[in-house]
Structures are given as C-alpha cells and as structure tokens.
C-alpha cells in the first residue's frame, strides 16, 4: 500500500524572528492529513466493460473533493486522461469502465482529490478485456412483420401485399425450382378473389414471404355442365343450365408426380337440388388439371372429370334436404387428397360428412380412376368402384362432422398418416390424426380406435381453437396440408380465423390467415404440431437454464366450439412446478432430444416466433400428448 502525507496550515501564519520565543502555539496552527489508496482490484471483465474496486484510508473523509478511476491504453495514467468519478461520499471506489474495446490492454489507477492539492494516486494496474462473443443468430433474428389483421389490405388491388392473407384449405407442394407452391379454395375477406379466377396460387422460397400468383382456372371447365346433365338425364331428370357464378370451387390438392409433371385434383360443387325444393342437393365433381411447371401459373391444362358423388339408395333421391342421417349420397366428391406409394401405386382419398372418407386407386398414366366407374347410383355392390371406406367418425352415421382428409407417408416411421378436419369450419374446426401401415387401412388413432373397421372419435387432437395472452387467438384451424422439405423437416399448413366480433368488426370471423407450423415427431411416431406459427427461428440448442420461469400452458383437449386459453405454469430452478395446473409436480429435461418432461408428460420443444409479443420476437414452445390422451401446447413467457 502506497501512503501519502500532506500538511496544511489551517491558521494564520504570524510573523516571527529566529530570536522570538514567546508563546510558540500562537505562531501557527497546523494538522497533518493522512491519505492512502490501496491497489485496485478487478471484480469483473467483459469484452466492453471492467468493474474495479479500491479502498481509501484517511483521517479526514470530509477533505475528499473527488474520487474515481483514471485509465488509458498507455501506462502512467493521470486524471488528465480518461476518468470516471463517484458522486457518493465515503472511502470506497466501485466503478464500471464501459465502452472499452475487446481484447485490449488497459492501465488503471484510482485517484483522490483534496482541496487545493494535487491528485493522490493508487498503484497502477493493468488488465486486458475479453474477446467479443460470437454473435448469436438469435440476437440478429428478424421475425415476420406481415399483419394478421389484413383488412386494410384485403382489396383485390392490393393482392400483391397479401402474403398469407386470404388463405383457405391450402395445398402445398415443393417444386423442382425450389419454390413451395400453395393452392386453395375460392374464399377471401369481402370475396375479393372473385376478380381473379379460381384455385388461387402463391409461392415462397422460405415459407414466410409469399408471392401472390392469381387464379389457375379462369372459368368453369367446359365438361362440368354437360357431365352434370348427362347424369341427370340418366336419372330421368331434366337438364339444367345453372349460372357459372353459382358453382363452388373448393379444396384443391396438388402433388408432384415426377419432374415435369404436377397434378391438381380439384372440387366443383354444383348448385341447386336434384329435383326441386325438398330433395337432396346437387352433386359435386372432382376434376384434374396438370402442369409441367407450376411457375407458369397459366400452364394448368384441364384433364376433365375424375369422380362424382355416389349413392347406394338407387334412384330414391327424394330424401328431404335436412334429413342428414338418411342422406342420399354415400360418398361426397369433395376434398381430394392424392398420394403415390413407394411402389408407384396411386390413390385418391376423398369425401366429406356423407358416411366418411373413401379411397380409390388411380391410374398413374391418366390420373383417372384405375377401375372404370359405373353410373353413380345403385346398390352397395354396384357403386363399389367409387371407393371403399377408410375413416368414419361413427359407423352407420350418414352425416358426421369430418372432412378434409390429408394423406402422407413418413418413411422414418413406416406409417401412412391421415389428418382429418372435424366439425364446422368457422369456429369449431379442429384437426385429428390416425395412421396405418397399409395405404388402405385400417387406420388407428393413438388409443387404438379403428376408424376404418368400426369407426370412432379419432385422437389425438392436433390443432384446436386456442388463445395465448395478449391476443385474440385463433379459431377455425383445420383442413390442413402436410408437407416436408426433403431434409427431414415437416410442416402443417391450414387457415386460421379470427374469433367472432374482434375489435368491433362484425365480420372478423371471415379474416382467414394462412398458418404454417412446424411438426415434431414423437418417439412413438406421432406428429406434434407446434403451437406458434413458423417464422424461421434459428434452431439453436435449448439449454435447461432457459426453461426456468413462467410458461403459458394450454390443455388443448377437445371442447366443441371452445377457444382454449392459456394459464401460467412456473418451472423453478430446483426442478419443481411452483404454479399452474401441475403445481407440486417435478420436471426434468433431456437436452439431447429437447424434451421437457413435466408431471410425467413429455413435451417436445422447439424455437418458434412469438407472434403475440410486441414487437414480435423468438421464444420456446412445446407440444405433447399425455397418457390421458390429452394434447398440450405451451410457450415460454418472457
């Protein structure tokens, strides 16, 4: 420790001579002040800062005018260079030097200033700042910025700004040119799409930024009304000439058959009823278009009729239009899903509400049914070429809330997966999944329910109306497309709708935003759809420390028409749950597989965009299936 002594004359100096010796105490009044500063200590060093501490020893604290640190990149620093000062009194110096350069040597002294005196310094020390940390991709992450409420962009004139606005019943295919192409049902907020044809398309390289391409079909195909009238004449009914504006254009399915060949199966729903009021509604058709390059949006060539509704009631079509349980049609020819097996067998799944989902085999060369179709009415045996049952919600129920089948094969698990949309589409829509080793079934749910042979309620629930904090949440989330990028990454695409009467908008439920979510597969080979939408968040390894704190937890189990809301669940550092539904239970983390186990439930983690944050950022989410057949969603609440 270096010590300094200073003498100050605090009284008046009185003139005296060497010979004067009277009353020496009156000649002067002086007091010696002792000040010393210890060698500074480094508390902490980063790439840009250094925290430094030093102690002062003095017999006159009140005499200290200033105290602090002086520093520079050259030795022998003084207060005439860079300094930082402390405003508080006392004998401790504790300061942070900031704005330093990484990997740079600095010299530092502590200093004290007394009144009318030179600076007193500590011994000089030196240190080197740390290297700048490598910039994390998460630090520079930029989330998607497009708005969810796109009503001010909904007009047809602003379609180039739609991105994923006005998406309904999407089908997605990865093409040879590296683009994902998306096609959809004719639907939009305010019916803006009607200005631009049918089966509208858009494309993207990153699944975030989508370029709107427009309609792929510009008018009703020439074969539709003649085919409709041919069937009507064969049934003994008069011909009709409905307006082309009254037909429905629903739920296309697009697949790459091979390089240079893409197929689109589409639904055309005919207006009217079979024989006037009080009878069953008119039929639907599934048709086919082909294209050798989807980048040419006008290059889709119509190949005509594929299949129509079949009835096992002969010509007894005079079923009241509201007699759903006794409906005329056995199969409803909408919502096609096309799949090619590894052994080059082609199948078309279709159907909605009437009896369930059917499958027919397709001729690989023509894209039409492999077996020639007879007339579309007759006995069960006579209409057998129209397909066989692969899924029904309730055996024998001729009117049930299931539709929108999507069939995919995962070579990693060896299963075919059938995703199904349940219930009505405006609010209640939810997604289920079942699987089979055989393309034609039987398809089983996660609890073993055989929906092919016996029918039944499919579990697990994959998506469901939900709401996280700081948002209106989403409803009507189903009729999905399932696709992968060829590198083991799988995705779920669907529409999501705003709830009813959001923000005073009486039509808010017609706001349809395209949702794309990542899929993780469980150890048992079941798909888990992540709760937050895909935003290309870098998949940096998730550490256990990041899991400690508050989460928004949702029990996503089925509840008809109910928007499931989140509650707070808190994970403590001692591996207990201190708040929420599972309070009092324990948690653990498998960092290798990124699986968080809470209360015995395995929750699969992923980094995704926090769409409810303002501004949007990244977060950690989870999805999992419990042993109680419940589905759970959650996200880290920052």
Foldseek 3Di string as FASTA:
>chain_A
DDWDKDKDFPFDADDDDPPDDPPPVVRTDIDIKIKAKEDKDWDDFAQFKTKIKIFMDIPCQVQWDWKWKFKDLDPPTDPVHDIDTDPDGDGMYIDMGGRHHGQGKMKMWIWTDGPPDDIDIYDIDMDTHHHDDDDDLQVVDDFFDQDLPCVVQQALVNVQSQFQWFAFLWAWEQAPVQKIKIWFWQAHVVSNLVVFAGRWMWIDNPSRGIGTDTHLHHFDDPVPQVVQQVLLVVLVHHRDDDDRVPKTKGRWYWYDLDQQKIKIKTKIHDADDSHDAFWATGKMWIWMWMARDVVPSNRTHTLTTADMFAFQPASPGNHGHPPQQPHGTQFGAHQWAWDADPVGWIKIWFGFFFQAIWMFTADSVRRHGPDDADRRYHHPVNRPNRGAFAFDAAHSGRGAFKGLWYWDADPVQLKIKIKIWGDDQLFWTWIAMWIANDPSDQTAAPVGDRRRPGHHHHDDTAGGAADEPLDQGWGRWDSWYWDADVPPKIKIKRWTFGDACPPNDNCRSSTIGIFMFTWDADPNGDTHTAPHGAGPNPFDQDDPVQQAAKKWKWFRGDDGRDRTYTDIWGQHPVQAICDDPQHGWGWDADRVQQWIATPNWTWHKTKHWPVSDVVIRIWMKTWTADPVRIIMIMIDDD
